[in-house]
Amino acid sequence: MKYNLSEITELIRNRRTIYPEQFSSRIIQKEQVEMLLNNAIWAPTHGNTQPWRFTVFHSDDSRENLADFLSSLYLKIIPKEDQKDTKLAKLLTRPKQASVVIAVSMKRDENEKIREIEEIEAVACAIHNLALTAVAYGLGYYWSTSKLIYTTEMNDFLSLGEKDKCLGLIYLGYPSIEWPSQHRKPIEYLTTWK
């Protein structure tokens, strides 16, 4: 066997969502973020378009700016009767609770030779590579896909083109909790053999 399958299996099965409220104040180093991104870009990509783009909010000021933007956008686009104080509070605090936030976006190929769904799938694979690398470092990881990220305002904030899409905000931090356990349905319930 070329690689240690038991370690790879353990890594995959230990990937968890850990929310920013569960992060400690320990700082993630720039070199770690660079490793996360370097592993992310090795995801599969149809036509080698490499559609992933990353905006890293690493400094306190940049994460505060992100929090202000998200909370303002929420108040702007969500009807007043649908606004929730708890949701607004999370938008204001989560970027500040994380050591790093990474906006992961899809840059649409100008020729559109690859279908958009395939470009989105490639970026999702990049996000998964990032997540597995975070687990290897022992980092907490939360992929937020709030409806705010799919707006033209978010595209403008991230300097994305009209056909580009933000696919999520990745919140990273060292956990202040025990690593969560999880389970999955057995494959017998999910698989059809023909």
Protein backbone atom coordinates (compact mmCIF):
# COMPACT_ATOMS: atom_id res chain seq x y z
CA MET A 1 0.00 0.00 0.00
CA LYS A 2 1.36 3.42 -0.96
CA TYR A 3 -0.08 5.33 2.05
CA ASN A 4 -1.22 4.43 5.53
CA LEU A 5 -4.90 3.74 4.90
CA SER A 6 -5.82 3.59 8.58
CA GLU A 7 -4.45 7.13 9.16
CA ILE A 8 -6.23 8.48 6.07
CA THR A 9 -9.47 6.81 7.17
CA GLU A 10 -9.12 8.24 10.68
CA LEU A 11 -8.47 11.73 9.26
CA ILE A 12 -11.56 11.57 7.02
CA ARG A 13 -13.78 10.21 9.78
CA ASN A 14 -12.61 12.84 12.29
CA ARG A 15 -13.62 15.85 10.20
CA ARG A 16 -16.16 17.79 12.25
CA THR A 17 -18.00 21.05 12.34
CA ILE A 18 -16.77 23.04 15.31
CA TYR A 19 -18.46 26.42 15.69
CA PRO A 20 -16.56 29.66 16.34
CA GLU A 21 -18.20 29.88 19.78
CA GLN A 22 -16.20 26.73 20.57
CA PHE A 23 -12.82 28.19 19.55
CA SER A 24 -10.08 29.19 21.96
CA SER A 25 -8.07 32.40 21.66
CA ARG A 26 -5.02 30.53 20.32
CA ILE A 27 -3.81 32.04 17.05
CA ILE A 28 -3.40 30.11 13.80
CA GLN A 29 -0.09 30.93 12.14
CA LYS A 30 0.14 32.27 8.57
CA GLU A 31 2.23 29.24 7.54
CA GLN A 32 -0.61 26.94 8.62
CA VAL A 33 -3.11 28.92 6.54
CA GLU A 34 -0.76 28.71 3.56
CA MET A 35 -0.60 24.91 3.97
CA LEU A 36 -4.41 24.73 4.10
CA LEU A 37 -4.63 26.72 0.86
CA ASN A 38 -1.82 24.80 -0.84
CA ASN A 39 -3.61 21.54 -0.13
CA ALA A 40 -6.96 23.00 -1.19
CA ILE A 41 -5.71 23.77 -4.70
CA TRP A 42 -4.89 20.12 -5.35
CA ALA A 43 -8.58 19.29 -5.70
CA PRO A 44 -9.85 17.77 -8.95
CA THR A 45 -10.69 20.35 -11.60
CA HIS A 46 -12.33 19.66 -14.98
CA GLY A 47 -10.26 21.11 -17.79
CA ASN A 48 -7.71 22.24 -15.18
CA THR A 49 -9.59 25.56 -14.86
CA GLN A 50 -8.68 25.77 -11.14
CA PRO A 51 -11.75 27.90 -10.34
CA TRP A 52 -11.10 28.35 -6.61
CA ARG A 53 -10.30 31.75 -5.17
CA PHE A 54 -9.56 32.56 -1.53
CA THR A 55 -9.91 35.75 0.47
CA VAL A 56 -8.20 35.37 3.85
CA PHE A 57 -9.35 37.48 6.79
CA HIS A 58 -6.38 36.99 9.11
CA SER A 59 -5.96 40.28 10.96
CA ASP A 60 -8.25 41.49 13.72
CA ASP A 61 -9.20 44.52 11.61
CA SER A 62 -10.11 42.46 8.56
CA ARG A 63 -12.29 40.08 10.60
CA GLU A 64 -13.97 43.06 12.29
CA ASN A 65 -14.61 44.55 8.85
CA LEU A 66 -16.13 41.23 7.73
CA ALA A 67 -18.38 41.14 10.82
CA ASP A 68 -19.56 44.71 10.17
CA PHE A 69 -20.25 43.90 6.52
CA LEU A 70 -22.20 40.71 7.26
CA SER A 71 -24.34 42.29 9.98
CA SER A 72 -25.09 45.36 7.84
CA LEU A 73 -25.98 43.20 4.86
CA TYR A 74 -28.28 41.07 7.03
CA LEU A 75 -30.14 44.15 8.21
CA LYS A 76 -30.35 45.44 4.63
CA ILE A 77 -31.63 42.37 2.77
CA ILE A 78 -33.59 40.37 5.36
CA PRO A 79 -37.10 41.76 5.88
CA LYS A 80 -37.47 43.29 9.35
CA GLU A 81 -40.16 40.80 10.35
CA ASP A 82 -37.79 37.89 9.52
CA GLN A 83 -34.74 39.25 11.34
CA LYS A 84 -33.58 37.38 14.42
CA ASP A 85 -31.40 38.89 17.14
CA THR A 86 -29.55 35.58 17.58
CA LYS A 87 -28.64 35.41 13.88
CA LEU A 88 -27.47 39.04 13.87
CA ALA A 89 -25.37 38.41 16.99
CA LYS A 90 -23.65 35.43 15.32
CA LEU A 91 -22.84 37.51 12.24
CA LEU A 92 -21.29 40.16 14.48
CA THR A 93 -19.31 37.83 16.76
CA ARG A 94 -18.27 34.75 14.77
CA PRO A 95 -15.63 36.45 12.59
CA LYS A 96 -14.06 37.86 15.77
CA GLN A 97 -14.18 34.49 17.55
CA ALA A 98 -12.28 32.81 14.72
CA SER A 99 -8.53 33.10 14.37
CA VAL A 100 -8.96 33.14 10.57
CA VAL A 101 -11.91 33.33 8.18
CA ILE A 102 -11.49 32.30 4.55
CA ALA A 103 -14.04 33.23 1.91
CA VAL A 104 -13.89 30.52 -0.76
CA SER A 105 -15.21 31.52 -4.17
CA MET A 106 -15.62 30.12 -7.65
CA LYS A 107 -14.06 32.16 -10.46
CA ARG A 108 -16.15 31.43 -13.55
CA ASP A 109 -14.06 30.56 -16.59
CA GLU A 110 -14.51 33.33 -19.16
CA ASN A 111 -14.94 30.81 -22.00
CA GLU A 112 -17.43 28.80 -19.92
CA LYS A 113 -16.05 25.63 -21.49
CA ILE A 114 -16.79 23.77 -18.26
CA ARG A 115 -20.33 23.68 -16.89
CA GLU A 116 -20.88 25.88 -13.85
CA ILE A 117 -21.95 22.94 -11.67
CA GLU A 118 -18.62 21.24 -12.37
CA GLU A 119 -16.74 24.38 -11.35
CA ILE A 120 -18.78 24.53 -8.13
CA GLU A 121 -18.02 20.86 -7.47
CA ALA A 122 -14.29 21.52 -7.96
CA VAL A 123 -14.40 24.33 -5.40
CA ALA A 124 -16.32 22.11 -2.97
CA CYS A 125 -13.55 19.52 -3.33
CA ALA A 126 -10.99 22.24 -2.59
CA ILE A 127 -12.96 23.14 0.53
CA HIS A 128 -12.89 19.50 1.59
CA ASN A 129 -9.11 19.33 1.12
CA LEU A 130 -8.87 22.45 3.28
CA ALA A 131 -11.09 20.84 5.92
CA LEU A 132 -9.03 17.65 6.08
CA THR A 133 -5.82 19.65 6.42
CA ALA A 134 -7.44 21.64 9.25
CA VAL A 135 -8.28 18.37 11.02
CA ALA A 136 -4.68 17.20 10.61
CA TYR A 137 -3.57 20.39 12.39
CA GLY A 138 -6.19 19.87 15.11
CA LEU A 139 -8.06 23.01 14.02
CA GLY A 140 -11.76 23.60 14.45
CA TYR A 141 -13.53 24.23 11.18
CA TYR A 142 -16.95 25.64 10.29
CA TRP A 143 -18.20 26.06 6.70
CA SER A 144 -20.91 28.75 6.72
CA THR A 145 -23.23 28.98 3.72
CA SER A 146 -25.61 31.69 4.85
CA LYS A 147 -27.84 33.14 2.12
CA LEU A 148 -25.86 36.37 2.46
CA ILE A 149 -22.89 34.86 0.66
CA TYR A 150 -24.84 34.30 -2.56
CA THR A 151 -25.61 38.00 -3.05
CA THR A 152 -24.22 40.60 -5.43
CA GLU A 153 -23.21 42.59 -2.34
CA MET A 154 -20.95 39.73 -1.24
CA ASN A 155 -19.48 39.54 -4.74
CA ASP A 156 -18.76 43.27 -4.57
CA PHE A 157 -17.25 42.97 -1.08
CA LEU A 158 -14.90 40.22 -2.31
CA SER A 159 -14.22 41.94 -5.67
CA LEU A 160 -15.71 39.02 -7.59
CA GLY A 161 -17.04 39.16 -11.12
CA GLU A 162 -20.71 38.98 -12.03
CA LYS A 163 -20.59 35.24 -12.88
CA ASP A 164 -18.37 34.33 -9.92
CA LYS A 165 -19.83 32.92 -6.71
CA CYS A 166 -18.79 32.89 -3.09
CA LEU A 167 -19.40 29.32 -1.90
CA GLY A 168 -18.85 29.85 1.78
CA LEU A 169 -17.01 31.35 4.68
CA ILE A 170 -14.63 28.98 6.43
CA TYR A 171 -14.15 29.84 10.11
CA LEU A 172 -11.00 28.38 11.66
CA GLY A 173 -9.71 28.23 15.21
CA TYR A 174 -8.26 25.94 17.82
CA PRO A 175 -11.11 24.18 19.66
CA SER A 176 -11.74 24.93 23.31
CA ILE A 177 -13.86 21.76 23.57
CA GLU A 178 -13.24 18.03 23.32
CA TRP A 179 -13.18 16.86 19.72
CA PRO A 180 -16.80 15.91 18.90
CA SER A 181 -17.80 12.39 17.95
CA GLN A 182 -20.22 11.58 15.15
CA HIS A 183 -21.77 8.66 13.30
CA ARG A 184 -22.99 7.86 9.82
CA LYS A 185 -25.63 5.47 8.51
CA PRO A 186 -24.13 2.16 7.37
CA ILE A 187 -23.48 2.00 3.63
CA GLU A 188 -26.06 -0.80 3.33
CA TYR A 189 -28.77 1.86 3.77
CA LEU A 190 -27.25 4.18 1.20
CA THR A 191 -25.91 1.96 -1.56
CA THR A 192 -27.46 0.03 -4.42
CA TRP A 193 -25.29 -2.63 -6.06
CA LYS A 194 -26.15 -3.65 -9.62
